[in-house]
């Protein structure tokens, strides 16, 4: 302090709740000098733990020796979070083996199946962060799934085991460097692609929706029967006793009557249940053809400048059944345009100018219809949307293009928002980044 000439400008006071520590009062004129002095002490090893605010850890503070960063802030902004993370991922001159651990703290709400608000913020944060996977398969990708979080956030033992594994991985800095080395060997660049949820989850959600309607039908039937018995039970029993069947013909007649009444009363609900079972076609079966149709349109319209012969649509499926789609070849800008457009086509429908109706049939007569938004980059011009629909017709088959800015089109748009299968996967279809 004396060497810096600021000793006379400092004042100290003991903390009221712990006399072992003192608080240093700074003036605006010496604040920058003190921050630099503390940073130098930290860099030289004279201080091992430093607690700072998000303002300190933001843009401007430079301490390359930092090798562990614990983020206990609720900052959700991607830019500020990335600036804070940047404090620990800088190279250190003279130490080529430096590694950095970045900790994101979250409190798990054991009353919520998804972990609560803190865990949800963690998921949002990690969509923008690319790092090495902690899973056995390895690799470099974004998303919180690379951490291996427990599937059941209500399982306290699983959460404690996850924390123990995380501590062990953090202590193994040599293993961290090795995972990065192996991850980099798996590819040559970062690829942005879209992820369609695994078919198991797809079927589970659709089956859950169908069971809801089926259960409602059964509940309505039971409620009607109970209500009828409660209101007219005695009269029904008396009538049944007087007109009880005495021959097989009487029994057949009564069964036919009850059957006809059941069909009339509950037939419409049964038809609705069957429609739900037969309405949707698995989108993962068509994702490659949809990508080819989109790519041909982007090339034709000049949005993608690279020659079509140098481009291809890559579709892969992982061990869990999730489908990934990205553009191979072309510039990074063209890949980004393709991924964004593909994401719009399979994600939840908002307010596009044009809709694509994807139609198919089961057993040659049962029609299936799903709705997809024409990407904004193609919906700007009618001829572009029409060409996209024609390419879709060649690749995916049975297509109808709908202009949503007309009265009839608005009706179709409202129906699409309610009935499109993408509405059930608003949080599952996502853009991911992987090193390939």
Protein backbone atom coordinates (compact mmCIF):
# COMPACT_ATOMS: atom_id res chain seq x y z
CA UNK A 1 0.00 0.00 0.00
CA UNK A 2 2.83 2.35 0.88
CA UNK A 3 4.58 1.64 -2.41
CA UNK A 4 1.41 2.61 -4.27
CA UNK A 5 1.08 5.78 -2.22
CA UNK A 6 -2.46 5.05 -1.13
CA UNK A 7 -1.99 3.97 2.51
CA UNK A 8 -3.25 7.31 3.78
CA UNK A 9 -6.44 7.02 1.72
CA UNK A 10 -7.51 3.74 3.31
CA UNK A 11 -9.66 3.19 6.35
CA UNK A 12 -10.41 -0.09 8.12
CA UNK A 13 -13.29 -1.21 10.30
CA UNK A 14 -13.99 -4.58 11.93
CA UNK A 15 -16.99 -6.50 10.67
CA UNK A 16 -19.75 -6.25 13.27
CA UNK A 17 -20.62 -9.98 13.01
CA UNK A 18 -17.02 -11.34 12.92
CA UNK A 19 -14.16 -9.41 14.52
CA UNK A 20 -11.53 -11.57 12.80
CA UNK A 21 -12.18 -9.74 9.52
CA UNK A 22 -11.90 -6.08 8.58
CA UNK A 23 -13.65 -4.08 5.92
CA UNK A 24 -11.61 -1.69 3.78
CA UNK A 25 -13.34 1.50 2.71
CA UNK A 26 -12.29 2.67 -0.75
CA UNK A 27 -12.68 5.99 -2.48
CA UNK A 28 -13.37 6.29 -6.18
CA UNK A 29 -9.88 7.69 -6.83
CA UNK A 30 -8.06 4.60 -5.51
CA UNK A 31 -10.60 1.88 -6.35
CA UNK A 32 -8.88 0.92 -9.63
CA UNK A 33 -5.44 0.82 -7.98
CA UNK A 34 -6.67 -1.50 -5.21
CA UNK A 35 -8.38 -3.87 -7.68
CA UNK A 36 -5.12 -4.14 -9.65
CA UNK A 37 -3.13 -4.68 -6.45
CA UNK A 38 -5.46 -7.47 -5.25
CA UNK A 39 -5.36 -9.06 -8.72
CA UNK A 40 -1.53 -9.08 -8.69
CA UNK A 41 -1.50 -10.72 -5.26
CA UNK A 42 -3.95 -13.34 -6.52
CA UNK A 43 -1.88 -13.95 -9.66
CA UNK A 44 1.30 -14.49 -7.63
CA UNK A 45 -0.36 -17.03 -5.34
CA UNK A 46 -0.49 -14.86 -2.25
CA UNK A 47 -4.25 -15.19 -2.26
CA UNK A 48 -6.01 -18.44 -3.28
CA UNK A 49 -9.68 -17.53 -2.94
CA UNK A 50 -11.20 -14.33 -4.24
CA UNK A 51 -14.89 -13.43 -3.96
CA UNK A 52 -16.15 -10.85 -6.42
CA UNK A 53 -19.38 -9.40 -7.69
CA UNK A 54 -20.70 -9.93 -11.22
CA UNK A 55 -19.44 -6.42 -12.01
CA UNK A 56 -15.86 -7.44 -11.14
CA UNK A 57 -16.07 -10.72 -13.07
CA UNK A 58 -17.55 -9.04 -16.11
CA UNK A 59 -15.65 -7.60 -19.03
CA UNK A 60 -12.26 -6.10 -18.16
CA UNK A 61 -10.94 -8.10 -15.19
CA UNK A 62 -7.91 -10.17 -16.20
CA UNK A 63 -6.42 -12.95 -14.03
CA UNK A 64 -5.24 -15.85 -16.26
CA UNK A 65 -4.06 -17.85 -13.22
CA UNK A 66 -7.70 -18.44 -12.21
CA UNK A 67 -8.43 -22.16 -12.60
CA UNK A 68 -11.72 -22.57 -10.71
CA UNK A 69 -14.76 -20.32 -11.00
CA UNK A 70 -17.87 -20.78 -8.87
CA UNK A 71 -20.87 -18.89 -10.22
CA UNK A 72 -23.37 -18.37 -7.42
CA UNK A 73 -25.16 -15.56 -9.23
CA UNK A 74 -28.63 -15.79 -10.75
CA UNK A 75 -27.49 -14.09 -13.94
CA UNK A 76 -29.44 -15.50 -16.88
CA UNK A 77 -28.06 -13.25 -19.63
CA UNK A 78 -25.98 -15.21 -22.15
CA UNK A 79 -23.52 -12.34 -22.76
CA UNK A 80 -22.85 -11.61 -19.07
CA UNK A 81 -22.66 -15.32 -18.18
CA UNK A 82 -20.15 -15.88 -20.99
CA UNK A 83 -18.06 -12.92 -19.86
CA UNK A 84 -17.93 -14.31 -16.33
CA UNK A 85 -17.01 -17.79 -17.59
CA UNK A 86 -14.27 -16.24 -19.69
CA UNK A 87 -12.32 -15.41 -16.52
CA UNK A 88 -11.42 -19.11 -16.03
CA UNK A 89 -10.88 -20.32 -19.61
CA UNK A 90 -7.92 -18.10 -20.51
CA UNK A 91 -4.52 -19.57 -21.26
CA UNK A 92 -1.69 -18.97 -18.81
CA UNK A 93 1.74 -18.14 -20.20
CA UNK A 94 4.30 -20.68 -19.02
CA UNK A 95 1.68 -23.27 -18.07
CA UNK A 96 0.53 -25.16 -21.13
CA UNK A 97 -1.26 -27.79 -18.99
CA UNK A 98 -3.62 -25.34 -17.29
CA UNK A 99 -7.25 -26.53 -16.97
CA UNK A 100 -10.28 -24.67 -15.67
CA UNK A 101 -13.35 -25.81 -13.75
CA UNK A 102 -16.50 -23.69 -13.91
CA UNK A 103 -19.21 -24.42 -11.35
CA UNK A 104 -22.84 -23.43 -11.86
CA UNK A 105 -24.73 -23.74 -8.58
CA UNK A 106 -28.40 -24.66 -8.60
CA UNK A 107 -30.89 -25.52 -5.87
CA UNK A 108 -33.10 -28.49 -6.78
CA UNK A 109 -36.76 -28.18 -5.83
CA UNK A 110 -37.67 -31.66 -4.62
CA UNK A 111 -41.37 -30.86 -4.99
CA UNK A 112 -41.02 -30.30 -8.75
CA UNK A 113 -40.43 -33.14 -11.23
CA UNK A 114 -38.26 -30.91 -13.46
CA UNK A 115 -36.07 -29.64 -10.62
CA UNK A 116 -37.58 -26.17 -10.23
CA UNK A 117 -36.63 -22.67 -11.39
CA UNK A 118 -32.89 -22.93 -10.69
CA UNK A 119 -32.50 -26.10 -12.74
CA UNK A 120 -34.54 -24.58 -15.58
CA UNK A 121 -32.24 -21.55 -15.62
CA UNK A 122 -29.28 -23.95 -15.73
CA UNK A 123 -30.77 -25.64 -18.80
CA UNK A 124 -31.25 -22.29 -20.53
CA UNK A 125 -27.68 -21.24 -19.73
CA UNK A 126 -26.10 -24.41 -21.08
CA UNK A 127 -27.84 -24.13 -24.45
CA UNK A 128 -25.31 -21.38 -25.23
CA UNK A 129 -22.23 -23.08 -23.73
CA UNK A 130 -20.14 -25.64 -25.59
CA UNK A 131 -17.95 -27.96 -23.55
CA UNK A 132 -16.60 -31.47 -23.18
CA UNK A 133 -19.08 -34.19 -22.28
CA UNK A 134 -18.89 -35.97 -18.92
CA UNK A 135 -20.67 -39.02 -20.38
CA UNK A 136 -18.94 -42.21 -21.43
CA UNK A 137 -19.33 -41.46 -25.15
CA UNK A 138 -17.36 -38.22 -24.73
CA UNK A 139 -17.37 -35.51 -27.38
CA UNK A 140 -17.81 -31.76 -27.36
CA UNK A 141 -21.32 -30.28 -27.47
CA UNK A 142 -23.67 -27.80 -25.87
CA UNK A 143 -26.60 -28.45 -23.58
CA UNK A 144 -26.97 -29.61 -20.00
CA UNK A 145 -27.36 -33.27 -21.07
CA UNK A 146 -23.56 -33.54 -21.41
CA UNK A 147 -23.30 -33.27 -17.62
CA UNK A 148 -25.28 -36.46 -17.03
CA UNK A 149 -27.95 -34.97 -14.75
CA UNK A 150 -30.29 -37.58 -13.20
CA UNK A 151 -33.44 -38.27 -15.20
CA UNK A 152 -35.54 -38.18 -12.04
CA UNK A 153 -34.92 -34.88 -10.23
CA UNK A 154 -37.01 -36.10 -7.28
CA UNK A 155 -34.53 -38.90 -6.51
CA UNK A 156 -32.43 -37.50 -3.65
CA UNK A 157 -29.95 -40.39 -3.67
CA UNK A 158 -29.35 -39.97 -7.42
CA UNK A 159 -28.71 -36.25 -6.91
CA UNK A 160 -26.16 -36.93 -4.14
CA UNK A 161 -24.42 -39.50 -6.35
CA UNK A 162 -24.30 -36.95 -9.21
CA UNK A 163 -22.67 -34.38 -6.91
CA UNK A 164 -20.06 -36.94 -5.78
CA UNK A 165 -19.25 -37.81 -9.39
CA UNK A 166 -18.96 -34.12 -10.29
CA UNK A 167 -16.50 -33.50 -7.45
CA UNK A 168 -14.42 -36.50 -8.53
CA UNK A 169 -14.32 -35.31 -12.16
CA UNK A 170 -13.33 -31.79 -11.06
CA UNK A 171 -10.42 -33.18 -9.03
CA UNK A 172 -9.13 -35.18 -12.02
CA UNK A 173 -7.60 -32.34 -14.03
CA UNK A 174 -5.41 -34.71 -16.04
CA UNK A 175 -8.55 -36.62 -17.04
CA UNK A 176 -10.23 -33.34 -18.03
CA UNK A 177 -7.41 -32.50 -20.41
CA UNK A 178 -7.55 -36.03 -21.83
CA UNK A 179 -11.33 -35.79 -22.45
CA UNK A 180 -10.79 -32.55 -24.33
CA UNK A 181 -8.02 -34.14 -26.42
CA UNK A 182 -10.24 -37.13 -27.33
CA UNK A 183 -13.17 -34.84 -28.03
CA UNK A 184 -11.16 -32.73 -30.45
CA UNK A 185 -10.03 -35.88 -32.26
CA UNK A 186 -13.67 -36.77 -33.03
CA UNK A 187 -14.11 -33.94 -35.53
CA UNK A 188 -12.71 -30.93 -37.32
CA UNK A 189 -15.24 -28.19 -36.55
CA UNK A 190 -18.31 -27.15 -34.62
CA UNK A 191 -21.53 -28.14 -36.41
CA UNK A 192 -24.87 -26.52 -35.67
CA UNK A 193 -27.85 -28.84 -36.15
CA UNK A 194 -31.39 -29.43 -34.98
CA UNK A 195 -32.42 -32.24 -32.66
CA UNK A 196 -35.74 -34.06 -32.99
CA UNK A 197 -36.73 -35.86 -29.75
CA UNK A 198 -36.27 -39.60 -29.60
CA UNK A 199 -39.17 -41.69 -30.85
CA UNK A 200 -39.69 -43.20 -27.41
CA UNK A 201 -40.40 -39.79 -25.94
CA UNK A 202 -42.43 -38.93 -29.05
CA UNK A 203 -44.63 -41.96 -28.59
CA UNK A 204 -44.90 -41.44 -24.85
CA UNK A 205 -46.26 -37.94 -25.28
CA UNK A 206 -48.70 -38.93 -28.00
CA UNK A 207 -49.82 -41.97 -26.00
CA UNK A 208 -50.26 -39.78 -22.93
CA UNK A 209 -52.49 -37.45 -24.94
CA UNK A 210 -54.50 -40.36 -26.33
CA UNK A 211 -54.92 -41.93 -22.91
CA UNK A 212 -56.25 -38.62 -21.64
CA UNK A 213 -59.07 -38.69 -24.19
CA UNK A 214 -59.70 -42.38 -23.62
CA UNK A 215 -59.87 -41.92 -19.86
CA UNK A 216 -62.26 -39.02 -20.30
CA UNK A 217 -64.52 -41.20 -22.43
CA UNK A 218 -64.54 -43.97 -19.83
CA UNK A 219 -65.12 -41.43 -17.05
CA UNK A 220 -68.06 -39.92 -18.92
CA UNK A 221 -69.56 -43.36 -19.49
CA UNK A 222 -69.19 -44.29 -15.82
CA UNK A 223 -70.61 -40.95 -14.68
CA UNK A 224 -73.65 -41.30 -16.96
CA UNK A 225 -74.37 -44.84 -15.73
CA UNK A 226 -73.99 -43.90 -12.08
CA UNK A 227 -76.16 -40.81 -12.53
CA UNK A 228 -78.86 -42.84 -14.25
CA UNK A 229 -78.84 -45.54 -11.59
CA UNK A 230 -78.93 -42.99 -8.80
CA UNK A 231 -81.82 -41.04 -10.30
CA UNK A 232 -83.98 -43.81 -11.69
CA UNK A 233 -82.57 -46.89 -10.00
CA UNK A 234 -85.77 -48.09 -8.35
CA UNK A 235 -87.94 -47.51 -11.43
CA UNK A 236 -85.37 -49.24 -13.63
CA UNK A 237 -85.24 -52.26 -11.33
CA UNK A 238 -89.04 -52.52 -11.21
CA UNK A 239 -89.34 -52.23 -14.98
CA UNK A 240 -86.55 -54.75 -15.50
CA UNK A 241 -88.24 -57.19 -13.10
CA UNK A 242 -91.63 -56.91 -14.86
CA UNK A 243 -90.10 -57.23 -18.34
CA UNK A 244 -87.24 -59.54 -17.47
CA UNK A 245 -86.20 -61.78 -20.35
CA UNK A 246 -87.69 -65.22 -20.29
CA UNK A 247 -86.31 -66.64 -23.53
CA UNK A 248 -83.08 -66.39 -25.53
CA UNK A 249 -84.85 -64.18 -28.05
CA UNK A 250 -85.70 -61.69 -25.30
CA UNK A 251 -82.07 -61.64 -24.15
CA UNK A 252 -80.77 -61.03 -27.68
CA UNK A 253 -83.28 -58.23 -28.17
CA UNK A 254 -82.25 -56.45 -24.97
CA UNK A 255 -78.55 -56.76 -25.82
CA UNK A 256 -79.19 -55.26 -29.25
CA UNK A 257 -81.12 -52.36 -27.70
CA UNK A 258 -78.39 -51.63 -25.14
CA UNK A 259 -75.74 -51.89 -27.87
CA UNK A 260 -77.55 -49.42 -30.12
CA UNK A 261 -77.98 -46.95 -27.25
CA UNK A 262 -74.27 -47.22 -26.40
CA UNK A 263 -73.22 -46.63 -30.00
CA UNK A 264 -75.46 -43.57 -30.31
CA UNK A 265 -74.40 -42.04 -26.98
CA UNK A 266 -70.68 -42.86 -26.97
CA UNK A 267 -69.95 -43.55 -30.64
CA UNK A 268 -68.86 -39.98 -31.37
CA UNK A 269 -66.38 -40.03 -28.47
CA UNK A 270 -65.03 -43.37 -29.61
CA UNK A 271 -64.46 -41.96 -33.11
CA UNK A 272 -62.53 -39.03 -31.60
CA UNK A 273 -60.28 -41.43 -29.70
CA UNK A 274 -59.61 -43.48 -32.83
CA UNK A 275 -58.77 -40.31 -34.78
CA UNK A 276 -56.16 -39.38 -32.20
CA UNK A 277 -54.58 -42.82 -32.53
CA UNK A 278 -54.40 -42.52 -36.29
CA UNK A 279 -53.85 -38.81 -36.88
CA UNK A 280 -50.12 -38.32 -36.56
CA UNK A 281 -47.23 -39.69 -38.58
CA UNK A 282 -43.81 -39.83 -36.94
CA UNK A 283 -41.92 -36.74 -38.15
CA UNK A 284 -38.55 -38.47 -37.74
CA UNK A 285 -39.41 -40.66 -40.75
CA UNK A 286 -39.62 -37.59 -43.00
CA UNK A 287 -36.88 -35.37 -41.58
CA UNK A 288 -34.32 -36.21 -44.29
CA UNK A 289 -36.79 -35.60 -47.14
CA UNK A 290 -37.90 -32.36 -45.52
CA UNK A 291 -34.27 -31.22 -45.31
CA UNK A 292 -33.63 -32.06 -48.97
CA UNK A 293 -36.73 -30.10 -50.05
CA UNK A 294 -35.59 -27.12 -47.97
CA UNK A 295 -32.02 -27.24 -49.31
CA UNK A 296 -33.18 -27.38 -52.95
CA UNK A 297 -35.37 -24.34 -52.38
CA UNK A 298 -32.61 -22.34 -50.66
CA UNK A 299 -30.23 -23.10 -53.55
CA UNK A 300 -32.85 -22.29 -56.19
CA UNK A 301 -33.73 -18.97 -54.58
CA UNK A 302 -30.06 -17.99 -54.20
CA UNK A 303 -30.15 -17.85 -50.42
CA UNK A 304 -27.46 -20.55 -50.41
CA UNK A 305 -24.72 -19.61 -52.91
CA UNK A 306 -22.66 -22.82 -52.81
CA UNK A 307 -23.27 -25.24 -55.73
CA UNK A 308 -25.82 -27.94 -54.96
CA UNK A 309 -23.31 -30.66 -55.89
CA UNK A 310 -21.16 -29.64 -52.92
CA UNK A 311 -24.03 -29.76 -50.42
CA UNK A 312 -25.90 -32.56 -48.70
CA UNK A 313 -28.33 -33.03 -45.83
CA UNK A 314 -26.89 -35.18 -43.04
CA UNK A 315 -29.31 -36.99 -40.74
CA UNK A 316 -28.08 -39.13 -37.84
CA UNK A 317 -29.72 -41.02 -35.01
CA UNK A 318 -28.09 -41.56 -31.62
CA UNK A 319 -28.37 -44.56 -29.31
CA UNK A 320 -31.36 -43.02 -27.50
CA UNK A 321 -33.27 -42.57 -30.75
CA UNK A 322 -32.96 -38.78 -31.12
CA UNK A 323 -32.54 -37.57 -34.72
CA UNK A 324 -30.03 -34.85 -35.66
CA UNK A 325 -30.06 -32.93 -38.94
CA UNK A 326 -27.53 -30.48 -40.35
CA UNK A 327 -26.12 -29.20 -43.65
CA UNK A 328 -22.85 -30.71 -44.85
CA UNK A 329 -20.75 -28.44 -47.05
CA UNK A 330 -21.15 -24.72 -47.65
CA UNK A 331 -20.16 -21.80 -45.47
CA UNK A 332 -20.91 -21.35 -41.80
CA UNK A 333 -23.47 -18.69 -42.71
CA UNK A 334 -25.27 -21.08 -45.08
CA UNK A 335 -25.27 -23.81 -42.45
CA UNK A 336 -26.75 -21.39 -39.95
CA UNK A 337 -29.47 -20.33 -42.42
CA UNK A 338 -30.37 -23.97 -43.12
CA UNK A 339 -30.48 -24.92 -39.42
CA UNK A 340 -32.63 -21.91 -38.53
CA UNK A 341 -35.05 -22.58 -41.40
CA UNK A 342 -35.28 -26.29 -40.55
CA UNK A 343 -35.92 -25.43 -36.92
CA UNK A 344 -38.82 -23.15 -37.92
CA UNK A 345 -40.31 -25.92 -40.07
CA UNK A 346 -40.48 -28.49 -37.26
CA UNK A 347 -40.99 -26.25 -34.21
CA UNK A 348 -44.17 -24.90 -32.67
CA UNK A 349 -46.21 -22.77 -35.08
CA UNK A 350 -46.37 -19.04 -34.34
CA UNK A 351 -47.57 -16.71 -37.11
CA UNK A 352 -46.03 -17.70 -40.48
CA UNK A 353 -47.23 -16.30 -43.79
CA UNK A 354 -47.53 -19.79 -45.26
CA UNK A 355 -48.25 -23.24 -43.87
CA UNK A 356 -47.38 -26.65 -45.27
CA UNK A 357 -49.88 -29.44 -44.66
CA UNK A 358 -48.04 -32.77 -44.47
CA UNK A 359 -50.46 -35.53 -45.42
CA UNK A 360 -50.14 -39.29 -45.46
CA UNK A 361 -52.34 -42.37 -45.27
CA UNK A 362 -52.51 -45.54 -43.20
CA UNK A 363 -53.94 -48.73 -44.70
CA UNK A 364 -54.65 -46.79 -47.93
CA UNK A 365 -57.67 -44.94 -46.58
CA UNK A 366 -57.06 -43.34 -43.16
CA UNK A 367 -55.72 -39.81 -43.66
CA UNK A 368 -53.04 -38.26 -41.43
CA UNK A 369 -52.45 -34.51 -41.40
CA UNK A 370 -49.79 -32.45 -39.65
CA UNK A 371 -48.87 -28.78 -40.00
CA UNK A 372 -45.51 -27.08 -40.57
CA UNK A 373 -44.54 -23.43 -40.89
CA UNK A 374 -42.86 -22.32 -44.11
CA UNK A 375 -39.58 -20.75 -42.86
CA UNK A 376 -39.59 -16.97 -42.77
CA UNK A 377 -36.72 -16.72 -45.24
CA UNK A 378 -38.90 -18.48 -47.86
CA UNK A 379 -42.26 -17.05 -46.83
CA UNK A 380 -41.34 -13.53 -47.89
CA UNK A 381 -42.25 -14.23 -51.51
CA UNK A 382 -45.13 -16.27 -52.89
CA UNK A 383 -43.04 -17.91 -55.62
CA UNK A 384 -40.45 -19.05 -53.09
CA UNK A 385 -43.10 -20.62 -50.86
CA UNK A 386 -44.73 -22.26 -53.90
CA UNK A 387 -41.42 -23.71 -55.06
CA UNK A 388 -40.77 -25.03 -51.54
CA UNK A 389 -44.19 -26.71 -51.60
CA UNK A 390 -43.43 -28.31 -54.99
CA UNK A 391 -40.09 -29.66 -53.69
CA UNK A 392 -41.90 -30.91 -50.58
CA UNK A 393 -44.44 -32.65 -52.83
CA UNK A 394 -41.66 -34.50 -54.66
CA UNK A 395 -39.79 -35.53 -51.51
CA UNK A 396 -42.41 -35.95 -48.77
CA UNK A 397 -45.56 -36.38 -50.92
CA UNK A 398 -49.16 -35.22 -50.39
CA UNK A 399 -48.63 -31.52 -49.69
CA UNK A 400 -50.90 -28.49 -49.50
CA UNK A 401 -49.70 -24.87 -49.27
CA UNK A 402 -51.90 -22.47 -47.29
CA UNK A 403 -51.63 -18.66 -47.27
CA UNK A 404 -52.47 -17.59 -43.72
CA UNK A 405 -53.19 -13.91 -44.40
CA UNK A 406 -56.65 -14.65 -45.86
CA UNK A 407 -59.83 -15.33 -43.82
CA UNK A 408 -59.75 -19.02 -44.77
CA UNK A 409 -56.03 -19.19 -44.08
CA UNK A 410 -56.48 -17.71 -40.61
CA UNK A 411 -58.87 -20.53 -39.76
CA UNK A 412 -56.29 -23.10 -40.86
CA UNK A 413 -53.60 -21.28 -38.85
CA UNK A 414 -55.70 -21.36 -35.68
CA UNK A 415 -56.39 -25.05 -36.23
CA UNK A 416 -52.68 -25.69 -36.84
CA UNK A 417 -51.70 -23.97 -33.58
CA UNK A 418 -54.03 -26.26 -31.65
CA UNK A 419 -53.59 -29.53 -33.53
CA UNK A 420 -50.02 -29.50 -34.91
CA UNK A 421 -47.87 -32.16 -33.33
CA UNK A 422 -45.08 -29.60 -32.88
CA UNK A 423 -47.16 -27.96 -30.14
CA UNK A 424 -46.47 -31.01 -27.97
CA UNK A 425 -42.70 -30.69 -28.58
CA UNK A 426 -42.19 -26.96 -28.02
CA UNK A 427 -39.34 -27.67 -25.57
CA UNK A 428 -37.91 -30.80 -27.21
CA UNK A 429 -37.01 -29.63 -30.72
CA UNK A 430 -33.85 -27.59 -30.26
CA UNK A 431 -30.72 -26.36 -31.97
CA UNK A 432 -27.55 -28.02 -30.74
CA UNK A 433 -23.86 -27.60 -31.45
CA UNK A 434 -21.46 -30.54 -31.72
CA UNK A 435 -17.81 -30.96 -32.63
CA UNK A 436 -17.71 -33.26 -35.70
